[in-house]
């Protein structure tokens, strides 16, 4: 019977991507602590790791239970915002690239949480 229950559940791409994001965040945090000497760069990578971990866990938990389009869209925007925000900070810290996408990512994160919250009231 357990085998049938497992087949009835669909895989969740959002949960998988969230778990990968959280795993990458742990690695980023370790690298910031042990591989980066510059305090400002270390701070930026730690901030990126914090956001990636928190939003990765949120995606891993919320993704499988979200079945309507608006909720899923909000979570995909959350994923995109996290990648833009954290990725921009890491690129700036490690390769001295511009961090111009960080505000776009942060705005996407705020918008995604607002859409997700409003969608939760609709149910």
Protein backbone atom coordinates (compact mmCIF):
# COMPACT_ATOMS: atom_id res chain seq x y z
CA UNK A 1 0.00 0.00 0.00
CA UNK A 2 2.88 2.37 0.68
CA UNK A 3 4.03 1.87 -2.89
CA UNK A 4 0.65 3.05 -4.22
CA UNK A 5 0.69 6.12 -2.00
CA UNK A 6 4.11 7.05 -3.30
CA UNK A 7 2.88 6.85 -6.90
CA UNK A 8 -0.14 9.03 -6.11
CA UNK A 9 2.12 11.87 -4.97
CA UNK A 10 3.62 13.95 -7.75
CA UNK A 11 7.24 15.05 -7.65
CA UNK A 12 7.74 18.71 -6.83
CA UNK A 13 10.23 20.66 -8.91
CA UNK A 14 9.91 23.59 -6.49
CA UNK A 15 10.78 21.38 -3.52
CA UNK A 16 13.75 19.90 -5.37
CA UNK A 17 15.07 23.32 -6.40
CA UNK A 18 14.49 24.65 -2.89
CA UNK A 19 16.50 21.81 -1.38
CA UNK A 20 19.33 22.40 -3.88
CA UNK A 21 19.26 26.11 -3.06
CA UNK A 22 19.50 25.38 0.67
CA UNK A 23 22.38 22.95 0.09
CA UNK A 24 24.23 25.53 -2.00
CA UNK A 25 23.66 28.07 0.77
CA UNK A 26 25.42 25.83 3.29
CA UNK A 27 28.38 25.58 0.94
CA UNK A 28 28.40 29.34 0.38
CA UNK A 29 28.38 29.99 4.09
CA UNK A 30 31.28 27.60 4.65
CA UNK A 31 33.21 29.21 1.81
CA UNK A 32 32.56 32.67 3.25
CA UNK A 33 33.89 31.56 6.61
CA UNK A 34 36.96 29.68 5.40
CA UNK A 35 37.82 30.95 1.92
CA UNK A 36 37.21 34.69 1.89
CA UNK A 37 39.54 37.04 3.74
CA UNK A 38 37.95 40.38 2.87
CA UNK A 39 35.36 41.23 5.57
CA UNK A 40 33.00 43.06 3.18
CA UNK A 41 33.05 40.25 0.60
CA UNK A 42 32.57 37.72 3.41
CA UNK A 43 29.57 39.68 4.68
CA UNK A 44 27.99 39.81 1.22
CA UNK A 45 28.42 36.07 0.67
CA UNK A 46 27.01 35.34 4.14
CA UNK A 47 24.00 37.54 3.38
CA UNK A 48 23.50 35.71 0.08
CA UNK A 49 23.75 32.36 1.87
CA UNK A 50 21.22 33.45 4.49
CA UNK A 51 18.66 34.48 1.87
CA UNK A 52 19.31 31.40 -0.26
CA UNK A 53 18.93 29.07 2.71
CA UNK A 54 15.77 30.65 4.08
CA UNK A 55 14.03 30.85 0.73
CA UNK A 56 15.27 27.39 -0.26
CA UNK A 57 13.64 25.92 2.83
CA UNK A 58 10.46 27.87 2.12
CA UNK A 59 10.34 26.47 -1.42
CA UNK A 60 11.03 22.94 -0.19
CA UNK A 61 8.19 23.16 2.32
CA UNK A 62 5.62 25.19 0.38
CA UNK A 63 6.25 23.85 -3.12
CA UNK A 64 4.67 20.39 -2.83
CA UNK A 65 1.47 21.72 -1.27
CA UNK A 66 0.86 24.49 -3.78
CA UNK A 67 -1.59 23.42 -6.45
CA UNK A 68 -3.10 26.61 -7.84
CA UNK A 69 -1.45 28.70 -10.54
CA UNK A 70 -1.16 31.94 -8.59
CA UNK A 71 0.52 30.21 -5.65
CA UNK A 72 2.94 28.36 -7.91
CA UNK A 73 3.71 31.56 -9.81
CA UNK A 74 4.49 33.32 -6.52
CA UNK A 75 6.90 30.52 -5.56
CA UNK A 76 8.65 30.59 -8.94
CA UNK A 77 9.04 34.36 -8.58
CA UNK A 78 10.46 33.67 -5.11
CA UNK A 79 13.00 31.31 -6.67
CA UNK A 80 13.92 33.84 -9.36
CA UNK A 81 14.21 36.65 -6.83
CA UNK A 82 16.46 34.56 -4.61
CA UNK A 83 18.72 33.65 -7.52
CA UNK A 84 18.96 37.27 -8.65
CA UNK A 85 19.51 38.69 -5.16
CA UNK A 86 21.92 36.09 -3.81
CA UNK A 87 23.62 35.53 -7.15
CA UNK A 88 24.29 39.23 -7.60
CA UNK A 89 25.82 39.50 -4.12
CA UNK A 90 28.03 36.46 -4.68
CA UNK A 91 29.13 37.65 -8.14
CA UNK A 92 30.01 41.03 -6.66
CA UNK A 93 31.95 39.55 -3.76
CA UNK A 94 33.84 36.87 -5.65
CA UNK A 95 34.38 38.36 -9.11
CA UNK A 96 33.90 42.09 -8.48
CA UNK A 97 30.93 42.19 -10.86
CA UNK A 98 28.25 44.84 -10.46
CA UNK A 99 25.48 43.97 -8.01
CA UNK A 100 22.79 45.75 -10.00
CA UNK A 101 20.49 42.74 -10.02
CA UNK A 102 20.31 42.56 -6.22
CA UNK A 103 17.60 45.26 -5.95
CA UNK A 104 15.61 43.56 -8.73
CA UNK A 105 15.88 40.27 -6.87
CA UNK A 106 14.92 41.86 -3.57
CA UNK A 107 11.89 43.50 -5.14
CA UNK A 108 10.90 40.16 -6.69
CA UNK A 109 11.20 38.51 -3.27
CA UNK A 110 8.91 41.08 -1.66
CA UNK A 111 6.41 40.85 -4.51
CA UNK A 112 6.42 37.05 -4.39
CA UNK A 113 5.69 36.97 -0.67
CA UNK A 114 2.88 39.52 -1.10
CA UNK A 115 1.31 37.51 -3.94
CA UNK A 116 1.68 34.29 -1.95
CA UNK A 117 0.07 35.87 1.11
CA UNK A 118 -2.83 37.38 -0.81
CA UNK A 119 -3.35 34.07 -2.59
CA UNK A 120 -3.54 32.34 0.79
CA UNK A 121 -6.48 34.60 1.72
CA UNK A 122 -8.34 33.59 -1.44
CA UNK A 123 -8.50 29.90 -0.56
